[in-house]
Amino acid sequence: MRVLVTGGTGFVGKALVKALINQNYQVTIVTRQEPSKVEWLGNSSDQVAWLVWDFSHSGDAPSIQAQDVVINLAGEGIADKRWTESRKRSLRQSRIDFTNNLIQWVRSQSWKPSHWLNASAIGIYGTGSEVFTEDDRAGDDFAAQLCEDWEAVVTDQIDWPCRTVLMRFGVVLGHGGMLKKLKPSFVMGMGATLGTGEQGFTWIHMEDLLRAILWLLDHPEIDGSLNLTAPASVTNAEFTEALAHSLHRPAWLMMPPFVLKLMFGEMAETLLLSGQRVYPKRLEQEGFTFKYPDINTALNNLFR
């Protein structure tokens, strides 16, 4: 089976490409510029092809060998920078415009994939103290609208017979991403609870995320929206304590809300101080089992 992956050189993308290769998939990675060094592929580069193309701009579309699956992970990191109006436009362009252009490119090809797995995020539910599942509607903040509009491109624009899956990721815990940013301060004993620490924190271990995506490839009868999150979300305070414990360091500090708002503005209010708790109802109903269902098991595995 041939799989086209966008965002294949990012934090999740690299790990997914390696997992696909290990399962003997043929992978085509979409990238703006072909990497000069691909050590992370190991000795499996013969299973990987590169499509060097910037789908954010129009132009002569390249033609490639038929692909059975598209896994679209493209999108700039939502928490990487303060949400200025310019930043918001970039976040929308990297998700909504890119995905629309990608679909239009596929439509121009002589082949059509029979499976389309698209990244999204649990931010679609907005914030709150309740536990959200796939049965809940989208929220009304910027992150929620971003996810809702992103998913709408997939459901509205794919007009050929194709199974579509909208994968709503929680915070991915692995050797990179958020933990890479947090680890230095926690190692120095400067780990801090954000605000009251009562806000929900919904996460998933990288290994379980990859297992879930591969599991979805093996279960073509499953489509629609799925929360790719661990079943046991925690509070920010519980996460802070668990991370500090896994690193054998204290974490007694508290970051006041006004400091976070001064530093990050609207992003702080939505992503850092409000939070959400999300449950993977459909994954569990369909029979997926988690290897790392609780935060302590997950972090102890990553930092053992």
C-alpha atoms as a PDB file:
ATOM      1  CA  MET A   1       0.000   0.000   0.000  1.00  0.00           C
ATOM      2  CA  ARG A   2       1.283   3.456  -0.921  1.00  0.00           C
ATOM      3  CA  VAL A   3       0.856   6.314   1.549  1.00  0.00           C
ATOM      4  CA  LEU A   4       1.317  10.017   0.846  1.00  0.00           C
ATOM      5  CA  VAL A   5       2.257  11.956   4.001  1.00  0.00           C
ATOM      6  CA  THR A   6       2.240  15.717   4.352  1.00  0.00           C
ATOM      7  CA  GLY A   7       4.011  17.174   7.358  1.00  0.00           C
ATOM      8  CA  GLY A   8       6.243  14.130   7.158  1.00  0.00           C
ATOM      9  CA  THR A   9       9.350  15.905   8.429  1.00  0.00           C
ATOM     10  CA  GLY A  10       7.714  17.304  11.588  1.00  0.00           C
ATOM     11  CA  PHE A  11       7.596  15.973  15.143  1.00  0.00           C
ATOM     12  CA  VAL A  12       4.729  13.539  14.548  1.00  0.00           C
ATOM     13  CA  GLY A  13       5.444  13.125  10.849  1.00  0.00           C
ATOM     14  CA  LYS A  14       8.961  11.723  11.250  1.00  0.00           C
ATOM     15  CA  ALA A  15       7.783   9.186  13.808  1.00  0.00           C
ATOM     16  CA  LEU A  16       4.835   8.185  11.623  1.00  0.00           C
ATOM     17  CA  VAL A  17       6.982   7.750   8.513  1.00  0.00           C
ATOM     18  CA  LYS A  18       9.302   5.410  10.422  1.00  0.00           C
ATOM     19  CA  ALA A  19       6.320   3.471  11.781  1.00  0.00           C
ATOM     20  CA  LEU A  20       4.856   3.117   8.274  1.00  0.00           C
ATOM     21  CA  ILE A  21       8.187   1.926   6.908  1.00  0.00           C
ATOM     22  CA  ASN A  22       8.434  -0.656   9.681  1.00  0.00           C
ATOM     23  CA  GLN A  23       5.048  -1.976   8.561  1.00  0.00           C
ATOM     24  CA  ASN A  24       6.313  -2.205   4.949  1.00  0.00           C
ATOM     25  CA  TYR A  25       4.276   0.669   3.529  1.00  0.00           C
ATOM     26  CA  GLN A  26       5.678   2.626   0.602  1.00  0.00           C
ATOM     27  CA  VAL A  27       5.749   6.273   1.666  1.00  0.00           C
ATOM     28  CA  THR A  28       5.811   9.503  -0.316  1.00  0.00           C
ATOM     29  CA  ILE A  29       6.705  12.553   1.773  1.00  0.00           C
ATOM     30  CA  VAL A  30       5.454  15.949   0.644  1.00  0.00           C
ATOM     31  CA  THR A  31       7.998  18.643   1.426  1.00  0.00           C
ATOM     32  CA  ARG A  32       8.805  22.175   0.293  1.00  0.00           C
ATOM     33  CA  GLN A  33      12.477  21.333  -0.045  1.00  0.00           C
ATOM     34  CA  GLU A  34      14.028  17.879  -0.231  1.00  0.00           C
ATOM     35  CA  PRO A  35      16.224  17.363   2.839  1.00  0.00           C
ATOM     36  CA  SER A  36      19.926  17.003   2.169  1.00  0.00           C
ATOM     37  CA  LYS A  37      20.276  14.662   5.155  1.00  0.00           C
ATOM     38  CA  VAL A  38      17.764  11.978   6.082  1.00  0.00           C
ATOM     39  CA  GLU A  39      19.551  10.041   8.808  1.00  0.00           C
ATOM     40  CA  TRP A  40      16.278   9.528  10.659  1.00  0.00           C
ATOM     41  CA  LEU A  41      15.164   7.182   7.868  1.00  0.00           C
ATOM     42  CA  GLY A  42      17.987   4.779   8.664  1.00  0.00           C
ATOM     43  CA  ASN A  43      18.493   2.122   6.009  1.00  0.00           C
ATOM     44  CA  SER A  44      14.925   2.345   4.730  1.00  0.00           C
ATOM     45  CA  SER A  45      15.268   5.244   2.311  1.00  0.00           C
ATOM     46  CA  ASP A  46      14.400   2.904  -0.571  1.00  0.00           C
ATOM     47  CA  GLN A  47      10.846   2.762   0.803  1.00  0.00           C
ATOM     48  CA  VAL A  48      10.518   6.545   0.682  1.00  0.00           C
ATOM     49  CA  ALA A  49       9.934   8.926  -2.209  1.00  0.00           C
ATOM     50  CA  TRP A  50       9.918  12.716  -2.017  1.00  0.00           C
ATOM     51  CA  LEU A  51       7.380  15.065  -3.572  1.00  0.00           C
ATOM     52  CA  VAL A  52       9.056  18.472  -3.499  1.00  0.00           C
ATOM     53  CA  TRP A  53       6.197  20.903  -3.905  1.00  0.00           C
ATOM     54  CA  ASP A  54       4.794  23.909  -2.051  1.00  0.00           C
ATOM     55  CA  PHE A  55       1.032  23.436  -1.996  1.00  0.00           C
ATOM     56  CA  SER A  56       0.533  26.887  -0.531  1.00  0.00           C
ATOM     57  CA  HIS A  57       1.193  28.381  -3.970  1.00  0.00           C
ATOM     58  CA  SER A  58      -0.395  27.761  -7.332  1.00  0.00           C
ATOM     59  CA  GLY A  59       1.607  26.582 -10.288  1.00  0.00           C
ATOM     60  CA  ASP A  60       2.181  23.584 -12.490  1.00  0.00           C
ATOM     61  CA  ALA A  61       1.138  20.598 -10.407  1.00  0.00           C
ATOM     62  CA  PRO A  62       3.460  17.592 -10.533  1.00  0.00           C
ATOM     63  CA  SER A  63       2.169  14.116 -11.317  1.00  0.00           C
ATOM     64  CA  ILE A  64       3.244  11.151  -9.220  1.00  0.00           C
ATOM     65  CA  GLN A  65       2.586   7.440  -8.912  1.00  0.00           C
ATOM     66  CA  ALA A  66      -0.867   6.482  -7.611  1.00  0.00           C
ATOM     67  CA  GLN A  67      -1.287   6.632  -3.834  1.00  0.00           C
ATOM     68  CA  ASP A  68      -3.756   4.523  -1.856  1.00  0.00           C
ATOM     69  CA  VAL A  69      -3.794   6.713   1.266  1.00  0.00           C
ATOM     70  CA  VAL A  70      -3.265  10.386   2.065  1.00  0.00           C
ATOM     71  CA  ILE A  71      -2.301  11.270   5.644  1.00  0.00           C
ATOM     72  CA  ASN A  72      -2.365  15.040   5.982  1.00  0.00           C
ATOM     73  CA  LEU A  73      -0.438  16.268   9.024  1.00  0.00           C
ATOM     74  CA  ALA A  74       0.560  19.662   7.627  1.00  0.00           C
ATOM     75  CA  GLY A  75       0.085  22.725   9.814  1.00  0.00           C
ATOM     76  CA  GLU A  76       2.234  25.210  11.724  1.00  0.00           C
ATOM     77  CA  GLY A  77       2.448  24.676  15.491  1.00  0.00           C
ATOM     78  CA  ILE A  78      -0.481  26.441  17.121  1.00  0.00           C
ATOM     79  CA  ALA A  79       1.433  27.150  20.334  1.00  0.00           C
ATOM     80  CA  ASP A  80       4.742  28.163  18.751  1.00  0.00           C
ATOM     81  CA  LYS A  81       4.090  31.927  18.698  1.00  0.00           C
ATOM     82  CA  ARG A  82       1.805  34.594  20.150  1.00  0.00           C
ATOM     83  CA  TRP A  83      -1.524  34.832  18.317  1.00  0.00           C
ATOM     84  CA  THR A  84      -1.216  38.122  16.489  1.00  0.00           C
ATOM     85  CA  GLU A  85      -3.573  38.715  13.585  1.00  0.00           C
ATOM     86  CA  SER A  86      -0.733  37.864  11.228  1.00  0.00           C
ATOM     87  CA  ARG A  87      -0.019  34.664  13.132  1.00  0.00           C
ATOM     88  CA  LYS A  88      -3.672  33.661  12.999  1.00  0.00           C
ATOM     89  CA  ARG A  89      -3.655  34.092   9.222  1.00  0.00           C
ATOM     90  CA  SER A  90      -0.539  31.916   8.964  1.00  0.00           C
ATOM     91  CA  LEU A  91      -2.142  29.201  11.082  1.00  0.00           C
ATOM     92  CA  ARG A  92      -5.229  29.191   8.874  1.00  0.00           C
ATOM     93  CA  GLN A  93      -3.199  29.211   5.665  1.00  0.00           C
ATOM     94  CA  SER A  94      -0.994  26.330   6.792  1.00  0.00           C
ATOM     95  CA  ARG A  95      -4.050  24.200   7.533  1.00  0.00           C
ATOM     96  CA  ILE A  96      -7.094  25.318   5.597  1.00  0.00           C
ATOM     97  CA  ASP A  97      -5.520  26.764   2.449  1.00  0.00           C
ATOM     98  CA  PHE A  98      -2.893  24.025   2.280  1.00  0.00           C
ATOM     99  CA  THR A  99      -5.452  21.241   2.648  1.00  0.00           C
ATOM    100  CA  ASN A 100      -7.721  22.794   0.030  1.00  0.00           C
ATOM    101  CA  ASN A 101      -4.799  23.081  -2.415  1.00  0.00           C
ATOM    102  CA  LEU A 102      -3.759  19.505  -1.648  1.00  0.00           C
ATOM    103  CA  ILE A 103      -7.252  18.237  -2.438  1.00  0.00           C
ATOM    104  CA  GLN A 104      -7.356  20.244  -5.662  1.00  0.00           C
ATOM    105  CA  TRP A 105      -4.008  18.742  -6.651  1.00  0.00           C
ATOM    106  CA  VAL A 106      -5.271  15.202  -5.982  1.00  0.00           C
ATOM    107  CA  ARG A 107      -8.367  15.988  -8.026  1.00  0.00           C
ATOM    108  CA  SER A 108      -6.078  16.865 -10.960  1.00  0.00           C
ATOM    109  CA  GLN A 109      -4.304  13.490 -10.815  1.00  0.00           C
ATOM    110  CA  SER A 110      -5.283  10.437 -12.843  1.00  0.00           C
ATOM    111  CA  TRP A 111      -5.566   8.463  -9.563  1.00  0.00           C
ATOM    112  CA  LYS A 112      -7.589   9.038  -6.414  1.00  0.00           C
ATOM    113  CA  PRO A 113      -6.801   7.730  -2.914  1.00  0.00           C
ATOM    114  CA  SER A 114      -9.412   5.538  -1.273  1.00  0.00           C
ATOM    115  CA  HIS A 115      -8.445   6.658   2.256  1.00  0.00           C
ATOM    116  CA  TRP A 116      -7.866  10.181   3.558  1.00  0.00           C
ATOM    117  CA  LEU A 117      -6.714  10.600   7.168  1.00  0.00           C
ATOM    118  CA  ASN A 118      -6.550  14.240   8.187  1.00  0.00           C
ATOM    119  CA  ALA A 119      -5.047  15.699  11.333  1.00  0.00           C
ATOM    120  CA  SER A 120      -7.181  17.950  13.481  1.00  0.00           C
ATOM    121  CA  ALA A 121      -7.096  18.713  17.192  1.00  0.00           C
ATOM    122  CA  ILE A 122      -9.196  18.511  20.322  1.00  0.00           C
ATOM    123  CA  GLY A 123      -9.151  22.299  20.311  1.00  0.00           C
ATOM    124  CA  ILE A 124     -12.282  21.968  18.186  1.00  0.00           C
ATOM    125  CA  TYR A 125     -14.357  21.520  21.357  1.00  0.00           C
ATOM    126  CA  GLY A 126     -13.349  24.834  22.870  1.00  0.00           C
ATOM    127  CA  THR A 127     -12.587  25.029  26.576  1.00  0.00           C
ATOM    128  CA  GLY A 128     -14.510  24.033  29.672  1.00  0.00           C
ATOM    129  CA  SER A 129     -14.596  21.800  32.710  1.00  0.00           C
ATOM    130  CA  GLU A 130     -16.811  19.087  31.201  1.00  0.00           C
ATOM    131  CA  VAL A 131     -15.461  15.979  29.473  1.00  0.00           C
ATOM    132  CA  PHE A 132     -15.827  16.251  25.698  1.00  0.00           C
ATOM    133  CA  THR A 133     -16.385  13.354  23.275  1.00  0.00           C
ATOM    134  CA  GLU A 134     -16.953  13.153  19.537  1.00  0.00           C
ATOM    135  CA  ASP A 135     -20.658  13.748  20.240  1.00  0.00           C
ATOM    136  CA  ASP A 136     -19.998  17.357  21.271  1.00  0.00           C
ATOM    137  CA  ARG A 137     -20.196  20.381  19.005  1.00  0.00           C
ATOM    138  CA  ALA A 138     -17.377  22.748  18.164  1.00  0.00           C
ATOM    139  CA  GLY A 139     -16.537  25.607  20.495  1.00  0.00           C
ATOM    140  CA  ASP A 140     -16.432  29.275  19.572  1.00  0.00           C
ATOM    141  CA  ASP A 141     -12.859  30.431  20.288  1.00  0.00           C
ATOM    142  CA  PHE A 142     -10.153  30.868  17.658  1.00  0.00           C
ATOM    143  CA  ALA A 143      -8.658  27.388  18.055  1.00  0.00           C
ATOM    144  CA  ALA A 144     -12.085  25.753  17.814  1.00  0.00           C
ATOM    145  CA  GLN A 145     -13.023  27.682  14.687  1.00  0.00           C
ATOM    146  CA  LEU A 146      -9.645  26.897  13.143  1.00  0.00           C
ATOM    147  CA  CYS A 147     -10.182  23.160  13.629  1.00  0.00           C
ATOM    148  CA  GLU A 148     -13.807  23.265  12.511  1.00  0.00           C
ATOM    149  CA  ASP A 149     -12.931  25.097   9.293  1.00  0.00           C
ATOM    150  CA  TRP A 150     -10.001  22.742   8.690  1.00  0.00           C
ATOM    151  CA  GLU A 151     -12.207  19.673   8.995  1.00  0.00           C
ATOM    152  CA  ALA A 152     -14.859  21.290   6.785  1.00  0.00           C
ATOM    153  CA  VAL A 153     -12.400  21.506   3.895  1.00  0.00           C
ATOM    154  CA  VAL A 154     -12.011  17.722   3.976  1.00  0.00           C
ATOM    155  CA  THR A 155     -15.706  16.919   4.286  1.00  0.00           C
ATOM    156  CA  ASP A 156     -16.794  19.522   1.723  1.00  0.00           C
ATOM    157  CA  GLN A 157     -14.082  19.304  -0.948  1.00  0.00           C
ATOM    158  CA  ILE A 158     -13.401  15.567  -1.317  1.00  0.00           C
ATOM    159  CA  ASP A 159     -15.955  14.647  -3.972  1.00  0.00           C
ATOM    160  CA  TRP A 160     -14.776  11.198  -5.068  1.00  0.00           C
ATOM    161  CA  PRO A 161     -15.523   7.882  -3.275  1.00  0.00           C
ATOM    162  CA  CYS A 162     -13.138   8.050  -0.348  1.00  0.00           C
ATOM    163  CA  ARG A 163     -13.148   7.060   3.304  1.00  0.00           C
ATOM    164  CA  THR A 164     -12.275  10.118   5.396  1.00  0.00           C
ATOM    165  CA  VAL A 165     -11.043  10.139   8.984  1.00  0.00           C
ATOM    166  CA  LEU A 166     -10.635  13.306  11.051  1.00  0.00           C
ATOM    167  CA  MET A 167      -8.013  12.603  13.719  1.00  0.00           C
ATOM    168  CA  ARG A 168      -8.394  14.986  16.653  1.00  0.00           C
ATOM    169  CA  PHE A 169      -5.030  14.909  18.408  1.00  0.00           C
ATOM    170  CA  GLY A 170      -4.462  15.672  22.052  1.00  0.00           C
ATOM    171  CA  VAL A 171      -1.074  17.020  23.177  1.00  0.00           C
ATOM    172  CA  VAL A 172       1.450  14.477  21.902  1.00  0.00           C
ATOM    173  CA  LEU A 173       4.016  13.398  24.489  1.00  0.00           C
ATOM    174  CA  GLY A 174       7.290  12.172  23.051  1.00  0.00           C
ATOM    175  CA  HIS A 175      10.960  13.053  22.616  1.00  0.00           C
ATOM    176  CA  GLY A 176      10.246  16.395  21.027  1.00  0.00           C
ATOM    177  CA  GLY A 177       7.325  18.768  20.843  1.00  0.00           C
ATOM    178  CA  MET A 178       6.057  20.227  24.104  1.00  0.00           C
ATOM    179  CA  LEU A 179       8.144  17.998  26.372  1.00  0.00           C
ATOM    180  CA  LYS A 180      11.344  19.105  24.647  1.00  0.00           C
ATOM    181  CA  LYS A 181      10.476  22.692  25.549  1.00  0.00           C
ATOM    182  CA  LEU A 182       9.471  21.907  29.137  1.00  0.00           C
ATOM    183  CA  LYS A 183      12.199  19.480  30.116  1.00  0.00           C
ATOM    184  CA  PRO A 184      15.078  21.971  30.660  1.00  0.00           C
ATOM    185  CA  SER A 185      13.147  24.094  33.162  1.00  0.00           C
ATOM    186  CA  PHE A 186      11.884  21.014  35.016  1.00  0.00           C
ATOM    187  CA  VAL A 187      15.382  19.510  35.160  1.00  0.00           C
ATOM    188  CA  MET A 188      16.550  22.740  36.793  1.00  0.00           C
ATOM    189  CA  GLY A 189      13.783  22.455  39.374  1.00  0.00           C
ATOM    190  CA  MET A 190      11.893  25.360  37.785  1.00  0.00           C
ATOM    191  CA  GLY A 191       8.825  23.445  36.652  1.00  0.00           C
ATOM    192  CA  ALA A 192       5.642  25.396  37.369  1.00  0.00           C
ATOM    193  CA  THR A 193       1.900  24.892  37.548  1.00  0.00           C
ATOM    194  CA  LEU A 194       0.078  27.281  35.219  1.00  0.00           C
ATOM    195  CA  GLY A 195      -2.441  29.485  36.990  1.00  0.00           C
ATOM    196  CA  THR A 196      -4.677  27.527  39.339  1.00  0.00           C
ATOM    197  CA  GLY A 197      -3.597  24.232  37.769  1.00  0.00           C
ATOM    198  CA  GLU A 198      -7.211  23.070  37.695  1.00  0.00           C
ATOM    199  CA  GLN A 199      -7.571  23.355  33.912  1.00  0.00           C
ATOM    200  CA  GLY A 200      -7.787  20.106  31.949  1.00  0.00           C
ATOM    201  CA  PHE A 201      -4.808  18.669  30.095  1.00  0.00           C
ATOM    202  CA  THR A 202      -5.549  16.048  27.433  1.00  0.00           C
ATOM    203  CA  TRP A 203      -2.627  14.137  26.014  1.00  0.00           C
ATOM    204  CA  ILE A 204      -1.482  10.980  24.224  1.00  0.00           C
ATOM    205  CA  HIS A 205       1.825   9.113  24.236  1.00  0.00           C
ATOM    206  CA  MET A 206       3.505   9.240  20.824  1.00  0.00           C
ATOM    207  CA  GLU A 207       3.639   5.447  20.623  1.00  0.00           C
ATOM    208  CA  ASP A 208      -0.111   5.164  21.196  1.00  0.00           C
ATOM    209  CA  LEU A 209      -0.757   7.880  18.606  1.00  0.00           C
ATOM    210  CA  LEU A 210       1.245   5.956  16.007  1.00  0.00           C
ATOM    211  CA  ARG A 211      -0.423   2.692  16.993  1.00  0.00           C
ATOM    212  CA  ALA A 212      -3.832   4.339  16.610  1.00  0.00           C
ATOM    213  CA  ILE A 213      -3.042   5.660  13.121  1.00  0.00           C
ATOM    214  CA  LEU A 214      -1.729   2.277  11.975  1.00  0.00           C
ATOM    215  CA  TRP A 215      -4.783   0.645  13.564  1.00  0.00           C
ATOM    216  CA  LEU A 216      -7.036   2.964  11.561  1.00  0.00           C
ATOM    217  CA  LEU A 217      -5.262   1.903   8.375  1.00  0.00           C
ATOM    218  CA  ASP A 218      -6.038  -1.696   9.298  1.00  0.00           C
ATOM    219  CA  HIS A 219      -9.723  -0.898   9.976  1.00  0.00           C
ATOM    220  CA  PRO A 220     -11.100   0.698   6.796  1.00  0.00           C
ATOM    221  CA  GLU A 221     -14.667   0.397   8.098  1.00  0.00           C
ATOM    222  CA  ILE A 222     -14.004   3.199  10.616  1.00  0.00           C
ATOM    223  CA  ASP A 223     -14.437   6.754   9.387  1.00  0.00           C
ATOM    224  CA  GLY A 224     -15.530  10.166  10.616  1.00  0.00           C
ATOM    225  CA  SER A 225     -14.186  12.040  13.630  1.00  0.00           C
ATOM    226  CA  LEU A 226     -12.097  10.333  16.320  1.00  0.00           C
ATOM    227  CA  ASN A 227     -10.362  11.712  19.388  1.00  0.00           C
ATOM    228  CA  LEU A 228      -6.789  10.442  19.441  1.00  0.00           C
ATOM    229  CA  THR A 229      -6.196  10.995  23.137  1.00  0.00           C
ATOM    230  CA  ALA A 230      -5.372   8.891  26.177  1.00  0.00           C
ATOM    231  CA  PRO A 231      -8.455   7.841  28.145  1.00  0.00           C
ATOM    232  CA  ALA A 232      -7.266   9.510  31.361  1.00  0.00           C
ATOM    233  CA  SER A 233      -6.901  13.261  30.955  1.00  0.00           C
ATOM    234  CA  VAL A 234      -5.483  15.139  33.948  1.00  0.00           C
ATOM    235  CA  THR A 235      -5.316  18.653  35.334  1.00  0.00           C
ATOM    236  CA  ASN A 236      -2.359  20.905  34.648  1.00  0.00           C
ATOM    237  CA  ALA A 237      -1.291  20.509  38.275  1.00  0.00           C
ATOM    238  CA  GLU A 238      -1.398  16.707  37.991  1.00  0.00           C
ATOM    239  CA  PHE A 239       0.629  16.806  34.786  1.00  0.00           C
ATOM    240  CA  THR A 240       3.199  19.146  36.363  1.00  0.00           C
ATOM    241  CA  GLU A 241       3.582  16.851  39.366  1.00  0.00           C
ATOM    242  CA  ALA A 242       3.880  13.737  37.187  1.00  0.00           C
ATOM    243  CA  LEU A 243       6.489  15.318  34.892  1.00  0.00           C
ATOM    244  CA  ALA A 244       8.569  16.513  37.840  1.00  0.00           C
ATOM    245  CA  HIS A 245       8.362  13.084  39.482  1.00  0.00           C
ATOM    246  CA  SER A 246       9.441  11.302  36.290  1.00  0.00           C
ATOM    247  CA  LEU A 247      12.504  13.582  36.151  1.00  0.00           C
ATOM    248  CA  HIS A 248      13.154  13.187  39.911  1.00  0.00           C
ATOM    249  CA  ARG A 249      12.896  16.926  40.442  1.00  0.00           C
ATOM    250  CA  PRO A 250      10.629  19.190  42.529  1.00  0.00           C
ATOM    251  CA  ALA A 251       7.978  21.426  40.965  1.00  0.00           C
ATOM    252  CA  TRP A 252       6.691  23.865  43.556  1.00  0.00           C
ATOM    253  CA  LEU A 253       6.384  27.045  41.482  1.00  0.00           C
ATOM    254  CA  MET A 254       3.185  28.611  40.118  1.00  0.00           C
ATOM    255  CA  MET A 255       3.071  30.826  37.034  1.00  0.00           C
ATOM    256  CA  PRO A 256       0.508  33.592  37.685  1.00  0.00           C
ATOM    257  CA  PRO A 257      -2.182  34.038  35.022  1.00  0.00           C
ATOM    258  CA  PHE A 258      -1.326  37.706  34.425  1.00  0.00           C
ATOM    259  CA  VAL A 259       2.276  36.797  33.543  1.00  0.00           C
ATOM    260  CA  LEU A 260       1.128  34.217  31.005  1.00  0.00           C
ATOM    261  CA  LYS A 261      -1.330  36.682  29.495  1.00  0.00           C
ATOM    262  CA  LEU A 262       1.362  39.336  29.210  1.00  0.00           C
ATOM    263  CA  MET A 263       3.670  36.833  27.507  1.00  0.00           C
ATOM    264  CA  PHE A 264       1.225  35.034  25.225  1.00  0.00           C
ATOM    265  CA  GLY A 265      -1.987  37.074  25.086  1.00  0.00           C
ATOM    266  CA  GLU A 266      -5.068  35.291  23.733  1.00  0.00           C
ATOM    267  CA  MET A 267      -3.140  32.054  23.284  1.00  0.00           C
ATOM    268  CA  ALA A 268      -2.491  31.892  27.030  1.00  0.00           C
ATOM    269  CA  GLU A 269      -6.167  32.246  27.889  1.00  0.00           C
ATOM    270  CA  THR A 270      -7.230  29.513  25.451  1.00  0.00           C
ATOM    271  CA  LEU A 271      -4.407  26.976  25.502  1.00  0.00           C
ATOM    272  CA  LEU A 272      -2.674  27.442  28.854  1.00  0.00           C
ATOM    273  CA  LEU A 273      -5.197  28.705  31.397  1.00  0.00           C
ATOM    274  CA  SER A 274      -8.541  27.279  30.271  1.00  0.00           C
ATOM    275  CA  GLY A 275      -7.773  23.773  29.035  1.00  0.00           C
ATOM    276  CA  GLN A 276     -10.103  20.904  28.317  1.00  0.00           C
ATOM    277  CA  ARG A 277     -10.676  17.245  29.113  1.00  0.00           C
ATOM    278  CA  VAL A 278     -11.408  15.006  26.140  1.00  0.00           C
ATOM    279  CA  TYR A 279     -12.272  11.307  26.082  1.00  0.00           C
ATOM    280  CA  PRO A 280     -11.539   8.915  23.142  1.00  0.00           C
ATOM    281  CA  LYS A 281     -15.044   7.464  23.084  1.00  0.00           C
ATOM    282  CA  ARG A 282     -14.993   6.104  19.538  1.00  0.00           C
ATOM    283  CA  LEU A 283     -11.524   4.568  19.765  1.00  0.00           C
ATOM    284  CA  GLU A 284     -12.534   2.610  22.844  1.00  0.00           C
ATOM    285  CA  GLN A 285     -15.910   1.628  21.373  1.00  0.00           C
ATOM    286  CA  GLU A 286     -14.171   0.266  18.278  1.00  0.00           C
ATOM    287  CA  GLY A 287     -11.779  -1.824  20.379  1.00  0.00           C
ATOM    288  CA  PHE A 288      -8.498   0.073  20.359  1.00  0.00           C
ATOM    289  CA  THR A 289      -6.361  -0.575  23.444  1.00  0.00           C
ATOM    290  CA  PHE A 290      -3.843   1.870  24.879  1.00  0.00           C
ATOM    291  CA  LYS A 291      -0.347   0.895  25.930  1.00  0.00           C
ATOM    292  CA  TYR A 292       0.024   4.061  28.020  1.00  0.00           C
ATOM    293  CA  PRO A 293      -3.419   4.936  29.402  1.00  0.00           C
ATOM    294  CA  ASP A 294      -2.289   7.083  32.360  1.00  0.00           C
ATOM    295  CA  ILE A 295       0.099  10.013  32.665  1.00  0.00           C
ATOM    296  CA  ASN A 296       2.554   8.426  35.100  1.00  0.00           C
ATOM    297  CA  THR A 297       3.028   5.327  32.951  1.00  0.00           C
ATOM    298  CA  ALA A 298       3.538   7.502  29.880  1.00  0.00           C
ATOM    299  CA  LEU A 299       6.074   9.898  31.395  1.00  0.00           C
ATOM    300  CA  ASN A 300       7.974   7.175  33.238  1.00  0.00           C
ATOM    301  CA  ASN A 301       8.383   5.391  29.903  1.00  0.00           C
ATOM    302  CA  LEU A 302       9.681   8.508  28.196  1.00  0.00           C
ATOM    303  CA  PHE A 303      12.138   9.469  30.949  1.00  0.00           C
ATOM    304  CA  ARG A 304      13.147   6.125  32.433  1.00  0.00           C
END
